[in-house]
């Protein structure tokens, strides 16, 4: 995850299979773990698996912000401008209510949420 977040594609590519295998072996699958796994799947080009993880998150918590963030990443990888705009709009429309929930995963990913919010706010 650190290599992906820092744009180090060589390291990310080298360790991606091991990271995905490690996530697959975990005995729990909370929303935060599914978010991390989805980002790894996007980086690996496994977009259907990433989209399925977004679906599993929003099936558990309908308006969870990670669902929109993952959907935007999948849409971006597909160069789907309408999908990106739709994910941004969903994120922005649920942001205030979701942040008010004070979920632990939101605290852990506060910087990523704020950066995504900034990007989403700039979408025409």
Protein backbone atom coordinates (compact mmCIF):
# COMPACT_ATOMS: atom_id res chain seq x y z
CA UNK A 1 0.00 0.00 0.00
CA UNK A 2 2.80 2.43 0.82
CA UNK A 3 4.47 1.87 -2.54
CA UNK A 4 1.17 2.47 -4.35
CA UNK A 5 0.43 5.62 -2.34
CA UNK A 6 3.94 6.94 -3.04
CA UNK A 7 3.75 6.17 -6.76
CA UNK A 8 6.55 3.59 -6.61
CA UNK A 9 5.21 1.32 -9.35
CA UNK A 10 8.30 -0.93 -9.50
CA UNK A 11 8.04 -1.88 -5.82
CA UNK A 12 4.26 -2.12 -6.00
CA UNK A 13 4.42 -4.44 -9.00
CA UNK A 14 7.03 -6.64 -7.36
CA UNK A 15 5.16 -7.06 -4.06
CA UNK A 16 1.57 -6.91 -5.33
CA UNK A 17 1.05 -10.69 -5.66
CA UNK A 18 2.34 -11.26 -2.13
CA UNK A 19 0.19 -8.46 -0.71
CA UNK A 20 -2.96 -9.81 -2.39
CA UNK A 21 -2.18 -13.31 -1.13
CA UNK A 22 -1.71 -11.97 2.39
CA UNK A 23 -5.09 -10.20 2.32
CA UNK A 24 -6.68 -13.42 1.08
CA UNK A 25 -5.35 -15.34 4.08
CA UNK A 26 -6.69 -13.01 6.75
CA UNK A 27 -9.34 -14.57 8.97
CA UNK A 28 -11.37 -11.37 9.12
CA UNK A 29 -12.59 -9.05 6.45
CA UNK A 30 -13.65 -5.71 7.81
CA UNK A 31 -14.34 -2.67 5.66
CA UNK A 32 -10.84 -1.26 6.09
CA UNK A 33 -9.22 -4.50 4.93
CA UNK A 34 -11.54 -4.69 1.93
CA UNK A 35 -10.65 -1.09 1.04
CA UNK A 36 -6.93 -1.92 1.12
CA UNK A 37 -7.46 -5.08 -0.91
CA UNK A 38 -9.55 -3.17 -3.48
CA UNK A 39 -6.82 -0.57 -3.96
CA UNK A 40 -4.33 -3.40 -4.51
CA UNK A 41 -6.67 -5.01 -7.05
CA UNK A 42 -6.97 -1.72 -8.93
CA UNK A 43 -3.18 -1.46 -9.01
CA UNK A 44 -3.01 -5.04 -10.34
CA UNK A 45 -5.58 -4.24 -13.03
CA UNK A 46 -8.12 -6.63 -11.52
CA UNK A 47 -10.96 -4.15 -11.80
CA UNK A 48 -13.89 -6.58 -11.44
CA UNK A 49 -12.52 -7.79 -8.08
CA UNK A 50 -12.01 -4.21 -6.91
CA UNK A 51 -15.57 -3.32 -7.95
CA UNK A 52 -16.89 -6.39 -6.12
CA UNK A 53 -15.13 -5.24 -2.95
CA UNK A 54 -16.72 -1.80 -3.30
CA UNK A 55 -20.09 -3.52 -3.63
CA UNK A 56 -19.42 -5.59 -0.51
CA UNK A 57 -18.59 -2.45 1.46
CA UNK A 58 -21.75 -0.61 0.42
CA UNK A 59 -23.83 -3.74 1.01
CA UNK A 60 -22.68 -3.58 4.61
CA UNK A 61 -22.82 0.23 5.00
CA UNK A 62 -24.91 1.72 2.21
CA UNK A 63 -23.23 5.14 1.96
CA UNK A 64 -19.71 4.26 3.12
CA UNK A 65 -17.23 6.65 1.55
CA UNK A 66 -14.75 3.90 0.68
CA UNK A 67 -17.29 2.45 -1.77
CA UNK A 68 -17.30 5.67 -3.77
CA UNK A 69 -13.52 6.00 -3.55
CA UNK A 70 -12.99 2.50 -4.92
CA UNK A 71 -15.58 3.00 -7.66
CA UNK A 72 -13.80 6.19 -8.71
CA UNK A 73 -10.46 4.35 -8.86
CA UNK A 74 -12.02 1.60 -10.98
CA UNK A 75 -13.67 4.15 -13.27
CA UNK A 76 -10.40 6.04 -13.60
CA UNK A 77 -8.55 2.85 -14.56
CA UNK A 78 -11.22 2.26 -17.21
CA UNK A 79 -11.05 5.90 -18.38
CA UNK A 80 -14.77 6.13 -17.60
CA UNK A 81 -15.38 9.85 -17.10
CA UNK A 82 -19.07 9.39 -16.32
CA UNK A 83 -18.25 6.74 -13.72
CA UNK A 84 -15.70 9.02 -12.09
CA UNK A 85 -18.22 11.86 -11.93
CA UNK A 86 -20.87 9.55 -10.50
CA UNK A 87 -18.50 8.25 -7.80
CA UNK A 88 -17.43 11.80 -6.93
CA UNK A 89 -21.05 12.92 -6.64
CA UNK A 90 -21.94 9.95 -4.41
CA UNK A 91 -18.95 10.67 -2.18
CA UNK A 92 -19.79 14.36 -1.82
CA UNK A 93 -23.48 13.74 -1.19
CA UNK A 94 -22.74 11.34 1.68
CA UNK A 95 -19.58 12.93 3.04
CA UNK A 96 -20.99 15.03 5.89
CA UNK A 97 -23.31 12.34 7.25
CA UNK A 98 -20.66 9.65 6.99
CA UNK A 99 -17.89 11.71 8.60
CA UNK A 100 -20.31 12.46 11.46
CA UNK A 101 -20.40 8.69 12.12
CA UNK A 102 -16.76 8.98 13.26
CA UNK A 103 -15.87 5.52 11.96
CA UNK A 104 -12.37 4.32 12.96
CA UNK A 105 -11.43 3.66 9.32
CA UNK A 106 -12.23 7.28 8.49
CA UNK A 107 -9.83 8.44 11.18
CA UNK A 108 -7.12 6.13 9.86
CA UNK A 109 -7.54 7.37 6.29
CA UNK A 110 -8.32 11.01 7.02
CA UNK A 111 -5.69 12.37 4.62
CA UNK A 112 -6.88 10.15 1.77
CA UNK A 113 -10.50 11.14 2.41
CA UNK A 114 -9.65 14.84 2.41
CA UNK A 115 -7.60 14.52 -0.78
CA UNK A 116 -10.41 12.60 -2.48
CA UNK A 117 -12.92 15.21 -1.32
CA UNK A 118 -10.74 17.96 -2.80
CA UNK A 119 -10.54 16.11 -6.13
CA UNK A 120 -14.25 15.30 -6.13
CA UNK A 121 -15.11 18.96 -5.47
CA UNK A 122 -13.21 19.91 -8.63
CA UNK A 123 -15.17 17.53 -10.87
CA UNK A 124 -17.38 19.49 -13.25
